[in-house]
C-alpha atoms as a PDB file:
ATOM      1  CA  MET A   1      22.549  14.375  -8.622  1.00  0.00           C
ATOM      2  CA  HIS A   2      21.136  13.082  -5.334  1.00  0.00           C
ATOM      3  CA  TYR A   3      23.108  12.623  -2.157  1.00  0.00           C
ATOM      4  CA  ALA A   4      22.112  10.955   1.084  1.00  0.00           C
ATOM      5  CA  MET A   5      18.484  11.608   1.996  1.00  0.00           C
ATOM      6  CA  LEU A   6      18.206  14.318   4.641  1.00  0.00           C
ATOM      7  CA  PRO A   7      16.185  13.594   7.818  1.00  0.00           C
ATOM      8  CA  ILE A   8      12.548  14.523   7.430  1.00  0.00           C
ATOM      9  CA  GLN A   9      12.757  17.048  10.282  1.00  0.00           C
ATOM     10  CA  ASP A  10      15.164  19.097   8.116  1.00  0.00           C
ATOM     11  CA  LEU A  11      12.168  19.857   5.897  1.00  0.00           C
ATOM     12  CA  GLN A  12      10.552  21.974   8.622  1.00  0.00           C
ATOM     13  CA  PRO A  13      12.021  25.370   7.595  1.00  0.00           C
ATOM     14  CA  LEU A  14      10.400  24.988   4.154  1.00  0.00           C
ATOM     15  CA  LEU A  15       7.001  24.470   5.773  1.00  0.00           C
ATOM     16  CA  GLN A  16       7.014  27.691   7.799  1.00  0.00           C
ATOM     17  CA  THR A  17       5.187  29.525   5.006  1.00  0.00           C
ATOM     18  CA  PRO A  18       2.210  28.232   2.948  1.00  0.00           C
ATOM     19  CA  LYS A  19       3.309  25.973   0.109  1.00  0.00           C
ATOM     20  CA  LYS A  20       1.771  24.214  -2.893  1.00  0.00           C
ATOM     21  CA  ILE A  21       2.205  20.557  -2.016  1.00  0.00           C
ATOM     22  CA  PHE A  22       1.699  17.420  -4.121  1.00  0.00           C
ATOM     23  CA  ILE A  23       1.115  14.107  -2.304  1.00  0.00           C
ATOM     24  CA  THR A  24       1.121  10.757  -4.044  1.00  0.00           C
ATOM     25  CA  THR A  25       1.380   7.035  -3.377  1.00  0.00           C
ATOM     26  CA  HIS A  26       1.774   3.796  -5.319  1.00  0.00           C
ATOM     27  CA  HIS A  27      -0.152   2.422  -8.301  1.00  0.00           C
ATOM     28  CA  LYS A  28      -3.166   0.263  -7.356  1.00  0.00           C
ATOM     29  CA  PRO A  29      -3.384   1.919  -3.924  1.00  0.00           C
ATOM     30  CA  ASP A  30      -4.465  -0.039  -0.852  1.00  0.00           C
ATOM     31  CA  GLY A  31      -5.712   1.060   2.564  1.00  0.00           C
ATOM     32  CA  ASP A  32      -2.293   2.157   3.802  1.00  0.00           C
ATOM     33  CA  ALA A  33      -1.569   4.108   0.616  1.00  0.00           C
ATOM     34  CA  ILE A  34      -4.833   6.042   0.607  1.00  0.00           C
ATOM     35  CA  GLY A  35      -5.032   6.327   4.405  1.00  0.00           C
ATOM     36  CA  SER A  36      -1.549   7.833   4.673  1.00  0.00           C
ATOM     37  CA  MET A  37      -2.058  10.138   1.686  1.00  0.00           C
ATOM     38  CA  MET A  38      -5.347  11.520   2.972  1.00  0.00           C
ATOM     39  CA  GLY A  39      -4.229  11.631   6.604  1.00  0.00           C
ATOM     40  CA  LEU A  40      -1.237  13.765   5.593  1.00  0.00           C
ATOM     41  CA  TYR A  41      -3.519  15.809   3.328  1.00  0.00           C
ATOM     42  CA  HIS A  42      -5.820  16.784   6.217  1.00  0.00           C
ATOM     43  CA  TYR A  43      -2.865  17.602   8.469  1.00  0.00           C
ATOM     44  CA  LEU A  44      -1.110  19.831   5.927  1.00  0.00           C
ATOM     45  CA  VAL A  45      -4.361  21.625   5.058  1.00  0.00           C
ATOM     46  CA  LYS A  46      -4.689  22.459   8.763  1.00  0.00           C
ATOM     47  CA  LYS A  47      -1.176  23.906   8.600  1.00  0.00           C
ATOM     48  CA  GLY A  48      -2.287  26.310   5.863  1.00  0.00           C
ATOM     49  CA  HIS A  49      -0.825  24.645   2.775  1.00  0.00           C
ATOM     50  CA  ALA A  50      -2.506  24.106  -0.625  1.00  0.00           C
ATOM     51  CA  ILE A  51      -2.576  20.353  -1.187  1.00  0.00           C
ATOM     52  CA  THR A  52      -3.220  18.161  -4.229  1.00  0.00           C
ATOM     53  CA  PRO A  53      -3.428  14.436  -3.370  1.00  0.00           C
ATOM     54  CA  VAL A  54      -3.001  12.187  -6.411  1.00  0.00           C
ATOM     55  CA  ALA A  55      -3.450   8.421  -6.646  1.00  0.00           C
ATOM     56  CA  PRO A  56      -1.584   6.977  -9.673  1.00  0.00           C
ATOM     57  CA  SER A  57      -4.628   4.854 -10.533  1.00  0.00           C
ATOM     58  CA  GLU A  58      -8.227   4.222  -9.509  1.00  0.00           C
ATOM     59  CA  ILE A  59      -9.086   4.220  -5.806  1.00  0.00           C
ATOM     60  CA  PRO A  60     -10.870   1.005  -4.710  1.00  0.00           C
ATOM     61  CA  ASP A  61     -14.574   1.256  -3.891  1.00  0.00           C
ATOM     62  CA  PHE A  62     -14.032   0.069  -0.315  1.00  0.00           C
ATOM     63  CA  LEU A  63     -11.997   3.236   0.352  1.00  0.00           C
ATOM     64  CA  MET A  64     -14.337   5.766  -1.248  1.00  0.00           C
ATOM     65  CA  TRP A  65     -15.758   6.713   2.170  1.00  0.00           C
ATOM     66  CA  ILE A  66     -12.383   8.092   3.350  1.00  0.00           C
ATOM     67  CA  PRO A  67     -12.753  11.718   4.566  1.00  0.00           C
ATOM     68  CA  GLY A  68     -11.721  14.168   1.850  1.00  0.00           C
ATOM     69  CA  ILE A  69     -11.419  11.502  -0.868  1.00  0.00           C
ATOM     70  CA  GLU A  70     -13.377  13.752  -3.240  1.00  0.00           C
ATOM     71  CA  HIS A  71     -10.303  16.013  -3.367  1.00  0.00           C
ATOM     72  CA  ALA A  72      -8.027  13.202  -4.587  1.00  0.00           C
ATOM     73  CA  LEU A  73      -7.217  12.921  -8.292  1.00  0.00           C
ATOM     74  CA  ASN A  74      -6.843   9.672 -10.225  1.00  0.00           C
ATOM     75  CA  TYR A  75      -3.779  10.199 -12.420  1.00  0.00           C
ATOM     76  CA  GLU A  76      -4.942   7.756 -15.091  1.00  0.00           C
ATOM     77  CA  ALA A  77      -8.277   9.571 -15.485  1.00  0.00           C
ATOM     78  CA  GLU A  78      -7.166  13.154 -14.727  1.00  0.00           C
ATOM     79  CA  SER A  79      -3.559  13.246 -15.882  1.00  0.00           C
ATOM     80  CA  LYS A  80      -3.579  16.868 -17.120  1.00  0.00           C
ATOM     81  CA  ARG A  81      -4.792  18.271 -13.791  1.00  0.00           C
ATOM     82  CA  ALA A  82      -2.351  16.036 -11.919  1.00  0.00           C
ATOM     83  CA  GLU A  83       0.567  17.019 -14.175  1.00  0.00           C
ATOM     84  CA  THR A  84      -0.214  20.718 -13.687  1.00  0.00           C
ATOM     85  CA  ALA A  85      -0.283  20.274  -9.907  1.00  0.00           C
ATOM     86  CA  LEU A  86       3.004  18.361 -10.010  1.00  0.00           C
ATOM     87  CA  THR A  87       4.667  21.048 -12.140  1.00  0.00           C
ATOM     88  CA  GLU A  88       3.476  23.826  -9.814  1.00  0.00           C
ATOM     89  CA  ALA A  89       4.287  21.966  -6.588  1.00  0.00           C
ATOM     90  CA  GLU A  90       6.885  23.400  -4.233  1.00  0.00           C
ATOM     91  CA  ILE A  91       7.141  20.152  -2.227  1.00  0.00           C
ATOM     92  CA  VAL A  92       6.305  16.558  -3.274  1.00  0.00           C
ATOM     93  CA  TYR A  93       5.506  13.905  -0.647  1.00  0.00           C
ATOM     94  CA  CYS A  94       5.842  10.252  -1.736  1.00  0.00           C
ATOM     95  CA  LEU A  95       4.099   7.804   0.561  1.00  0.00           C
ATOM     96  CA  ASP A  96       4.187   4.005   0.860  1.00  0.00           C
ATOM     97  CA  PHE A  97       6.571   3.299  -2.040  1.00  0.00           C
ATOM     98  CA  ASN A  98      10.349   3.316  -2.412  1.00  0.00           C
ATOM     99  CA  ASP A  99      10.913   3.580  -6.162  1.00  0.00           C
ATOM    100  CA  TYR A 100       9.377   6.016  -8.694  1.00  0.00           C
ATOM    101  CA  SER A 101       8.430   3.041 -10.889  1.00  0.00           C
ATOM    102  CA  ARG A 102       5.811   2.025  -8.304  1.00  0.00           C
ATOM    103  CA  THR A 103       3.677   4.927  -9.598  1.00  0.00           C
ATOM    104  CA  LYS A 104       3.657   3.319 -13.082  1.00  0.00           C
ATOM    105  CA  TYR A 105       2.461   5.917 -15.642  1.00  0.00           C
ATOM    106  CA  MET A 106       3.535   8.797 -13.394  1.00  0.00           C
ATOM    107  CA  THR A 107       7.136   7.546 -13.074  1.00  0.00           C
ATOM    108  CA  GLU A 108       8.806   9.869 -15.574  1.00  0.00           C
ATOM    109  CA  SER A 109       6.930  13.002 -14.509  1.00  0.00           C
ATOM    110  CA  LEU A 110       7.717  12.335 -10.860  1.00  0.00           C
ATOM    111  CA  ALA A 111      11.401  11.789 -11.591  1.00  0.00           C
ATOM    112  CA  GLN A 112      11.594  15.049 -13.556  1.00  0.00           C
ATOM    113  CA  ALA A 113       9.692  17.187 -11.041  1.00  0.00           C
ATOM    114  CA  LYS A 114      11.863  20.049  -9.776  1.00  0.00           C
ATOM    115  CA  ALA A 115      10.373  20.350  -6.274  1.00  0.00           C
ATOM    116  CA  PRO A 116      12.110  18.719  -3.278  1.00  0.00           C
ATOM    117  CA  LYS A 117      10.799  15.168  -2.864  1.00  0.00           C
ATOM    118  CA  VAL A 118       9.994  13.735   0.551  1.00  0.00           C
ATOM    119  CA  LEU A 119       9.774  10.008   1.316  1.00  0.00           C
ATOM    120  CA  ILE A 120       7.671   8.448   4.083  1.00  0.00           C
ATOM    121  CA  ASP A 121       7.778   4.682   3.631  1.00  0.00           C
ATOM    122  CA  HIS A 122       8.251   1.327   5.353  1.00  0.00           C
ATOM    123  CA  HIS A 123       9.538  -0.852   2.496  1.00  0.00           C
ATOM    124  CA  LEU A 124      13.044  -2.266   2.305  1.00  0.00           C
ATOM    125  CA  MET A 125      15.856  -0.645   0.310  1.00  0.00           C
ATOM    126  CA  PRO A 126      14.528   2.690  -0.956  1.00  0.00           C
ATOM    127  CA  LYS A 127      16.149   4.046  -4.106  1.00  0.00           C
ATOM    128  CA  PRO A 128      18.530   6.976  -3.394  1.00  0.00           C
ATOM    129  CA  VAL A 129      16.401   9.602  -5.160  1.00  0.00           C
ATOM    130  CA  TRP A 130      14.671  11.512  -2.353  1.00  0.00           C
ATOM    131  CA  ASP A 131      15.806  14.835  -0.900  1.00  0.00           C
ATOM    132  CA  TYR A 132      14.231  14.387   2.537  1.00  0.00           C
ATOM    133  CA  GLY A 133      12.506  11.546   4.257  1.00  0.00           C
ATOM    134  CA  VAL A 134      12.258   8.608   6.571  1.00  0.00           C
ATOM    135  CA  SER A 135      12.366   4.890   5.706  1.00  0.00           C
ATOM    136  CA  MET A 136      11.596   2.429   8.515  1.00  0.00           C
ATOM    137  CA  PRO A 137      10.833  -1.155   7.404  1.00  0.00           C
ATOM    138  CA  ALA A 138      10.155  -2.161  11.024  1.00  0.00           C
ATOM    139  CA  LYS A 139       7.088   0.091  11.126  1.00  0.00           C
ATOM    140  CA  SER A 140       3.642  -1.475  10.739  1.00  0.00           C
ATOM    141  CA  SER A 141       2.470   0.910   8.050  1.00  0.00           C
ATOM    142  CA  THR A 142       3.059   4.239   6.376  1.00  0.00           C
ATOM    143  CA  CYS A 143       0.017   5.480   8.302  1.00  0.00           C
ATOM    144  CA  GLU A 144       1.845   4.863  11.569  1.00  0.00           C
ATOM    145  CA  MET A 145       4.800   6.790  10.160  1.00  0.00           C
ATOM    146  CA  VAL A 146       2.589   9.754   9.214  1.00  0.00           C
ATOM    147  CA  TYR A 147       1.306   9.722  12.806  1.00  0.00           C
ATOM    148  CA  ASP A 148       4.920   9.747  14.035  1.00  0.00           C
ATOM    149  CA  TYR A 149       5.692  12.596  11.628  1.00  0.00           C
ATOM    150  CA  ILE A 150       2.815  14.709  12.946  1.00  0.00           C
ATOM    151  CA  ASN A 151       4.068  14.091  16.490  1.00  0.00           C
ATOM    152  CA  LEU A 152       7.631  14.915  15.439  1.00  0.00           C
ATOM    153  CA  CYS A 153       6.318  18.277  14.252  1.00  0.00           C
ATOM    154  CA  GLY A 154       4.759  18.817  17.694  1.00  0.00           C
ATOM    155  CA  ASP A 155       1.232  18.788  16.284  1.00  0.00           C
ATOM    156  CA  ASN A 156      -0.522  15.899  18.032  1.00  0.00           C
ATOM    157  CA  ASP A 157      -3.226  18.359  19.117  1.00  0.00           C
ATOM    158  CA  LEU A 158      -4.113  18.900  15.426  1.00  0.00           C
ATOM    159  CA  ILE A 159      -5.115  15.256  14.980  1.00  0.00           C
ATOM    160  CA  ASP A 160      -8.887  15.310  14.504  1.00  0.00           C
ATOM    161  CA  LEU A 161     -11.357  12.573  13.564  1.00  0.00           C
ATOM    162  CA  ASN A 162     -10.639  12.977   9.843  1.00  0.00           C
ATOM    163  CA  ILE A 163      -6.914  12.401  10.323  1.00  0.00           C
ATOM    164  CA  ALA A 164      -7.490   9.620  12.850  1.00  0.00           C
ATOM    165  CA  SER A 165      -9.960   7.825  10.539  1.00  0.00           C
ATOM    166  CA  CYS A 166      -7.539   7.921   7.611  1.00  0.00           C
ATOM    167  CA  LEU A 167      -4.543   6.713   9.606  1.00  0.00           C
ATOM    168  CA  TYR A 168      -6.508   4.032  11.459  1.00  0.00           C
ATOM    169  CA  THR A 169      -7.629   2.614   8.088  1.00  0.00           C
ATOM    170  CA  GLY A 170      -4.078   2.094   6.873  1.00  0.00           C
ATOM    171  CA  VAL A 171      -2.704   0.609  10.058  1.00  0.00           C
ATOM    172  CA  MET A 172      -5.727  -1.713  10.341  1.00  0.00           C
ATOM    173  CA  THR A 173      -5.355  -3.041   6.783  1.00  0.00           C
ATOM    174  CA  ASP A 174      -1.544  -3.320   6.785  1.00  0.00           C
ATOM    175  CA  THR A 175      -1.501  -5.250  10.070  1.00  0.00           C
ATOM    176  CA  GLY A 176      -4.278  -7.626   9.004  1.00  0.00           C
ATOM    177  CA  SER A 177      -6.596  -6.137  11.618  1.00  0.00           C
ATOM    178  CA  PHE A 178      -3.725  -6.041  14.144  1.00  0.00           C
ATOM    179  CA  ARG A 179      -2.734  -9.709  13.893  1.00  0.00           C
ATOM    180  CA  PHE A 180       0.555  -9.551  11.953  1.00  0.00           C
ATOM    181  CA  PRO A 181       3.915  -9.504  13.836  1.00  0.00           C
ATOM    182  CA  VAL A 182       4.445  -5.825  12.868  1.00  0.00           C
ATOM    183  CA  THR A 183       1.675  -4.891  15.305  1.00  0.00           C
ATOM    184  CA  THR A 184       3.945  -3.417  17.964  1.00  0.00           C
ATOM    185  CA  ALA A 185       3.126  -1.640  21.211  1.00  0.00           C
ATOM    186  CA  SER A 186       3.459   1.691  19.389  1.00  0.00           C
ATOM    187  CA  VAL A 187       0.622   0.666  17.057  1.00  0.00           C
ATOM    188  CA  HIS A 188      -1.734   0.065  19.976  1.00  0.00           C
ATOM    189  CA  GLU A 189      -0.589   3.299  21.629  1.00  0.00           C
ATOM    190  CA  MET A 190      -1.440   5.215  18.454  1.00  0.00           C
ATOM    191  CA  VAL A 191      -4.886   3.599  18.250  1.00  0.00           C
ATOM    192  CA  ALA A 192      -5.472   4.363  21.938  1.00  0.00           C
ATOM    193  CA  ASP A 193      -4.634   8.009  21.222  1.00  0.00           C
ATOM    194  CA  PHE A 194      -7.170   8.042  18.363  1.00  0.00           C
ATOM    195  CA  MET A 195      -9.852   6.496  20.568  1.00  0.00           C
ATOM    196  CA  ARG A 196      -9.221   9.022  23.334  1.00  0.00           C
ATOM    197  CA  LYS A 197      -9.755  11.693  20.695  1.00  0.00           C
ATOM    198  CA  GLY A 198     -13.166  10.178  19.938  1.00  0.00           C
ATOM    199  CA  LEU A 199     -12.515   7.735  17.089  1.00  0.00           C
ATOM    200  CA  ASN A 200     -15.185   5.049  16.654  1.00  0.00           C
ATOM    201  CA  HIS A 201     -13.285   2.219  14.998  1.00  0.00           C
ATOM    202  CA  SER A 202     -16.152  -0.177  14.275  1.00  0.00           C
ATOM    203  CA  PRO A 203     -17.675   1.725  11.298  1.00  0.00           C
ATOM    204  CA  ILE A 204     -14.217   1.852   9.668  1.00  0.00           C
ATOM    205  CA  HIS A 205     -13.805  -1.920   9.899  1.00  0.00           C
ATOM    206  CA  GLU A 206     -17.330  -2.327   8.534  1.00  0.00           C
ATOM    207  CA  ALA A 207     -16.700   0.050   5.617  1.00  0.00           C
ATOM    208  CA  VAL A 208     -13.518  -1.776   4.608  1.00  0.00           C
ATOM    209  CA  TYR A 209     -14.389  -5.423   5.289  1.00  0.00           C
ATOM    210  CA  ASP A 210     -18.182  -5.686   5.438  1.00  0.00           C
ATOM    211  CA  SER A 211     -19.328  -3.777   2.353  1.00  0.00           C
ATOM    212  CA  TRP A 212     -18.944  -6.427  -0.345  1.00  0.00           C
ATOM    213  CA  GLY A 213     -21.357  -6.838  -3.234  1.00  0.00           C
ATOM    214  CA  VAL A 214     -22.965 -10.207  -3.976  1.00  0.00           C
ATOM    215  CA  LYS A 215     -20.690 -10.784  -6.986  1.00  0.00           C
ATOM    216  CA  ARG A 216     -17.561 -10.286  -4.913  1.00  0.00           C
ATOM    217  CA  MET A 217     -18.746 -12.851  -2.364  1.00  0.00           C
ATOM    218  CA  GLN A 218     -19.511 -15.299  -5.175  1.00  0.00           C
ATOM    219  CA  PHE A 219     -16.083 -14.548  -6.658  1.00  0.00           C
ATOM    220  CA  LEU A 220     -14.458 -15.463  -3.336  1.00  0.00           C
ATOM    221  CA  GLY A 221     -16.319 -18.800  -3.301  1.00  0.00           C
ATOM    222  CA  TYR A 222     -15.228 -19.495  -6.873  1.00  0.00           C
ATOM    223  CA  VAL A 223     -11.603 -18.628  -6.084  1.00  0.00           C
ATOM    224  CA  LEU A 224     -11.437 -20.923  -3.051  1.00  0.00           C
ATOM    225  CA  LEU A 225     -13.189 -23.817  -4.810  1.00  0.00           C
ATOM    226  CA  GLU A 226     -11.754 -23.591  -8.327  1.00  0.00           C
ATOM    227  CA  ARG A 227      -8.582 -21.495  -8.252  1.00  0.00           C
ATOM    228  CA  MET A 228      -6.830 -22.406  -4.987  1.00  0.00           C
ATOM    229  CA  GLU A 229      -4.302 -25.226  -4.914  1.00  0.00           C
ATOM    230  CA  ILE A 230      -2.621 -26.518  -1.744  1.00  0.00           C
ATOM    231  CA  PHE A 231       0.806 -28.206  -1.704  1.00  0.00           C
ATOM    232  CA  PRO A 232       0.982 -30.035   1.675  1.00  0.00           C
ATOM    233  CA  LYS A 233       4.517 -31.274   0.988  1.00  0.00           C
ATOM    234  CA  TYR A 234       5.719 -27.673   0.721  1.00  0.00           C
ATOM    235  CA  ASN A 235       3.423 -26.027   3.312  1.00  0.00           C
ATOM    236  CA  ALA A 236       2.296 -23.761   0.470  1.00  0.00           C
ATOM    237  CA  GLY A 237      -0.891 -22.471  -1.092  1.00  0.00           C
ATOM    238  CA  LEU A 238      -1.411 -20.986  -4.562  1.00  0.00           C
ATOM    239  CA  ILE A 239      -4.240 -18.949  -6.103  1.00  0.00           C
ATOM    240  CA  CYS A 240      -4.182 -18.273  -9.854  1.00  0.00           C
ATOM    241  CA  LEU A 241      -6.533 -15.738 -11.453  1.00  0.00           C
ATOM    242  CA  SER A 242      -6.670 -15.284 -15.216  1.00  0.00           C
ATOM    243  CA  LYS A 243      -8.125 -12.364 -17.153  1.00  0.00           C
ATOM    244  CA  LYS A 244     -11.051 -14.654 -17.956  1.00  0.00           C
ATOM    245  CA  ASP A 245     -11.698 -15.281 -14.238  1.00  0.00           C
ATOM    246  CA  LEU A 246     -11.699 -11.557 -13.473  1.00  0.00           C
ATOM    247  CA  LYS A 247     -14.026 -10.794 -16.391  1.00  0.00           C
ATOM    248  CA  LEU A 248     -16.419 -13.598 -15.447  1.00  0.00           C
ATOM    249  CA  PHE A 249     -17.188 -11.913 -12.113  1.00  0.00           C
ATOM    250  CA  ASP A 250     -16.726  -8.313 -13.303  1.00  0.00           C
ATOM    251  CA  VAL A 251     -13.913  -7.855 -10.774  1.00  0.00           C
ATOM    252  CA  ASN A 252     -13.190  -4.219  -9.933  1.00  0.00           C
ATOM    253  CA  THR A 253     -10.157  -2.474  -8.448  1.00  0.00           C
ATOM    254  CA  GLY A 254      -9.723  -3.728  -4.893  1.00  0.00           C
ATOM    255  CA  ASP A 255     -11.891  -6.845  -5.281  1.00  0.00           C
ATOM    256  CA  THR A 256      -8.848  -9.127  -5.091  1.00  0.00           C
ATOM    257  CA  GLU A 257      -7.531  -7.339  -1.977  1.00  0.00           C
ATOM    258  CA  GLY A 258      -6.762  -9.852   0.772  1.00  0.00           C
ATOM    259  CA  LEU A 259      -7.441 -12.998  -1.280  1.00  0.00           C
ATOM    260  CA  VAL A 260      -3.823 -14.106  -1.001  1.00  0.00           C
ATOM    261  CA  ASN A 261      -4.232 -14.403   2.770  1.00  0.00           C
ATOM    262  CA  TYR A 262      -6.919 -17.102   2.610  1.00  0.00           C
ATOM    263  CA  PRO A 263      -4.602 -20.118   2.158  1.00  0.00           C
ATOM    264  CA  LEU A 264      -2.763 -19.025   5.326  1.00  0.00           C
ATOM    265  CA  SER A 265      -5.946 -19.813   7.285  1.00  0.00           C
ATOM    266  CA  ILE A 266      -5.102 -23.490   6.702  1.00  0.00           C
ATOM    267  CA  GLY A 267      -3.001 -24.643   9.647  1.00  0.00           C
ATOM    268  CA  SER A 268      -0.309 -26.401   7.626  1.00  0.00           C
ATOM    269  CA  VAL A 269       0.150 -23.559   5.112  1.00  0.00           C
ATOM    270  CA  LYS A 270       3.000 -21.196   5.969  1.00  0.00           C
ATOM    271  CA  PHE A 271       3.405 -19.543   2.567  1.00  0.00           C
ATOM    272  CA  ALA A 272       0.742 -18.302   0.130  1.00  0.00           C
ATOM    273  CA  THR A 273       1.067 -16.943  -3.396  1.00  0.00           C
ATOM    274  CA  MET A 274      -1.441 -15.323  -5.751  1.00  0.00           C
ATOM    275  CA  ILE A 275      -0.681 -15.029  -9.465  1.00  0.00           C
ATOM    276  CA  THR A 276      -2.944 -12.599 -11.304  1.00  0.00           C
ATOM    277  CA  GLU A 277      -3.190 -11.842 -15.014  1.00  0.00           C
ATOM    278  CA  ARG A 278      -4.205  -8.204 -15.566  1.00  0.00           C
ATOM    279  CA  GLY A 279      -4.088  -6.721 -19.046  1.00  0.00           C
ATOM    280  CA  ASP A 280      -0.589  -7.378 -20.342  1.00  0.00           C
ATOM    281  CA  GLU A 281       0.866  -7.900 -16.855  1.00  0.00           C
ATOM    282  CA  VAL A 282       1.338 -10.895 -14.578  1.00  0.00           C
ATOM    283  CA  LYS A 283       1.452  -9.870 -10.914  1.00  0.00           C
ATOM    284  CA  LEU A 284       2.434 -11.994  -7.931  1.00  0.00           C
ATOM    285  CA  SER A 285       1.547 -11.453  -4.286  1.00  0.00           C
ATOM    286  CA  PHE A 286       3.258 -13.368  -1.478  1.00  0.00           C
ATOM    287  CA  ARG A 287       2.284 -13.791   2.181  1.00  0.00           C
ATOM    288  CA  SER A 288       3.817 -15.921   4.905  1.00  0.00           C
ATOM    289  CA  LYS A 289       3.475 -16.877   8.531  1.00  0.00           C
ATOM    290  CA  GLY A 290       6.344 -16.964  11.005  1.00  0.00           C
ATOM    291  CA  ASP A 291       9.961 -16.833   9.911  1.00  0.00           C
ATOM    292  CA  PHE A 292       9.624 -17.419   6.153  1.00  0.00           C
ATOM    293  CA  ASP A 293      10.987 -14.389   4.244  1.00  0.00           C
ATOM    294  CA  VAL A 294       8.932 -13.641   1.119  1.00  0.00           C
ATOM    295  CA  SER A 295      10.645 -10.312   0.395  1.00  0.00           C
ATOM    296  CA  THR A 296      13.872 -12.096  -0.584  1.00  0.00           C
ATOM    297  CA  LEU A 297      11.841 -14.574  -2.641  1.00  0.00           C
ATOM    298  CA  ALA A 298      10.094 -11.754  -4.527  1.00  0.00           C
ATOM    299  CA  ARG A 299      13.362  -9.940  -5.132  1.00  0.00           C
ATOM    300  CA  THR A 300      15.284 -13.051  -6.236  1.00  0.00           C
ATOM    301  CA  TYR A 301      12.758 -14.616  -8.606  1.00  0.00           C
ATOM    302  CA  PHE A 302      10.102 -12.055  -9.536  1.00  0.00           C
ATOM    303  CA  ASN A 303      11.599  -8.534  -9.876  1.00  0.00           C
ATOM    304  CA  GLY A 304       9.899  -7.460  -6.680  1.00  0.00           C
ATOM    305  CA  GLY A 305      10.284  -6.962  -2.955  1.00  0.00           C
ATOM    306  CA  GLY A 306       8.409  -5.690   0.047  1.00  0.00           C
ATOM    307  CA  HIS A 307       8.170  -6.859   3.644  1.00  0.00           C
ATOM    308  CA  PHE A 308       9.395 -10.010   5.364  1.00  0.00           C
ATOM    309  CA  ASN A 309       5.885 -11.556   5.544  1.00  0.00           C
ATOM    310  CA  ALA A 310       4.191  -9.637   2.706  1.00  0.00           C
ATOM    311  CA  SER A 311       5.643  -8.780  -0.674  1.00  0.00           C
ATOM    312  CA  GLY A 312       4.934  -8.661  -4.384  1.00  0.00           C
ATOM    313  CA  GLY A 313       6.525  -9.082  -7.776  1.00  0.00           C
ATOM    314  CA  THR A 314       5.971  -9.285 -11.518  1.00  0.00           C
ATOM    315  CA  SER A 315       6.701 -11.788 -14.248  1.00  0.00           C
ATOM    316  CA  LYS A 316       7.733 -11.139 -17.843  1.00  0.00           C
ATOM    317  CA  GLN A 317       6.504 -14.611 -18.802  1.00  0.00           C
ATOM    318  CA  SER A 318       2.931 -15.399 -19.790  1.00  0.00           C
ATOM    319  CA  PHE A 319       0.333 -16.262 -17.141  1.00  0.00           C
ATOM    320  CA  GLU A 320       0.602 -19.995 -17.845  1.00  0.00           C
ATOM    321  CA  GLU A 321       4.406 -19.911 -18.021  1.00  0.00           C
ATOM    322  CA  THR A 322       4.575 -18.057 -14.710  1.00  0.00           C
ATOM    323  CA  ILE A 323       2.431 -20.698 -12.999  1.00  0.00           C
ATOM    324  CA  THR A 324       4.631 -23.480 -14.428  1.00  0.00           C
ATOM    325  CA  TYR A 325       7.807 -21.689 -13.368  1.00  0.00           C
ATOM    326  CA  PHE A 326       6.478 -21.080  -9.860  1.00  0.00           C
ATOM    327  CA  LYS A 327       5.627 -24.758  -9.420  1.00  0.00           C
ATOM    328  CA  GLU A 328       9.083 -25.727 -10.717  1.00  0.00           C
ATOM    329  CA  ILE A 329      10.905 -23.596  -8.140  1.00  0.00           C
ATOM    330  CA  LEU A 330       8.523 -24.420  -5.281  1.00  0.00           C
ATOM    331  CA  SER A 331      10.682 -27.307  -4.112  1.00  0.00           C
ATOM    332  CA  ASP A 332      13.602 -24.876  -3.685  1.00  0.00           C
ATOM    333  CA  ILE A 333      11.817 -21.927  -2.112  1.00  0.00           C
ATOM    334  CA  HIS A 334       9.251 -23.436   0.241  1.00  0.00           C
ATOM    335  CA  PRO A 335       9.429 -23.113   4.058  1.00  0.00           C
ATOM    336  CA  ARG A 336      11.528 -25.856   5.620  1.00  0.00           C
END
C-alpha cells in the first residue's frame, strides 16, 4: 500500500552508500526522456553507484549521439537483461512519466518491483504509486528538474559536459528551442550555467534538428501537401498518418517527432492535432498556442493528458473512425 509520496530529498540517506540503481522513462522516448535519463545516469555514476538505464522501446536515431547512450538498454529488444537489472535494483528512478502504463510492456514488472521508486516528472496528476519524488507541472522539462535535483544534492560542481549535453537536449526539445511559454528565467539560468561550464550548444541543435535523411525530408513534404488539413473556422489544423503512409516512406522511430507543430506555424491556427496509426494503436498528439488547454481535451476525449499546450492520447476506435470522431467534436472543442 502506498501513502503520500515523500519529498525527493528524503531519499538522500539511501544514497550514502553505493547502490544498484535502475533508471527508466516512457515508451517511445523523446529528447527530454532520454536526456533526463542519461543526465541522471552520468551524475549517479559519478556518485559511485552502479546504474542501468533502460528505455522501454527503441531510442530514436536523432538521439543516438547522446553521451553514454551505448550503456542504455532497449527493453523491447533486451528484456531479459532489463528484467534482471530491475529485479536486482535497490532504487528505481522513473523519469518523465506519471503512470506505470506509460512504459507499456514494462508496466507490470515496474509495478511489481520491490525497490523504492522515485519520480521526477513534470506532467499533471501523477498516480499515487511512488515512494519518493517530485512532480512539478510548471517546469519546462524533466531535464530541468534533474538539474534542480543535482543542485538540491549540493553537487552542481559535478556537472560536466556529458551531464550538461544530456540535460540541454531535453530542455531544448521540450521548450521548442526555448520558444514555448514554459521557458522561464530558470531555464535560461540553467543554460547559462552549462555554457559557463564549457557547453557548446550549436552541435547539439544540429544533431537533433539538422541530421535528417532525404526520405524524412520527402516525408515532411508529403505530410504537409497530402496529409495536413486546415479548418479556418475552428482555428485548427489536423495531420493524419496511416500505417500505409509510414510504410511508404520507411518511417523510423522519431521521424514523426515535431510534425504536429507545423500547422501552428500558420498564423490563424491555434490548435494542432496529429492522428497516427501504428500497428494496432491509434495515437493522438495535440499542440496549442496561447490559452487553449489541450491537456483537458486529451483527458476528456482521448484517454490521455499531458501539459496545457502539449499533450497526447489514444483511441480505441479504428484510424478512420477516430478521424471522423475528431471532426465531429471539433465544433465543440476548438479555441474560441
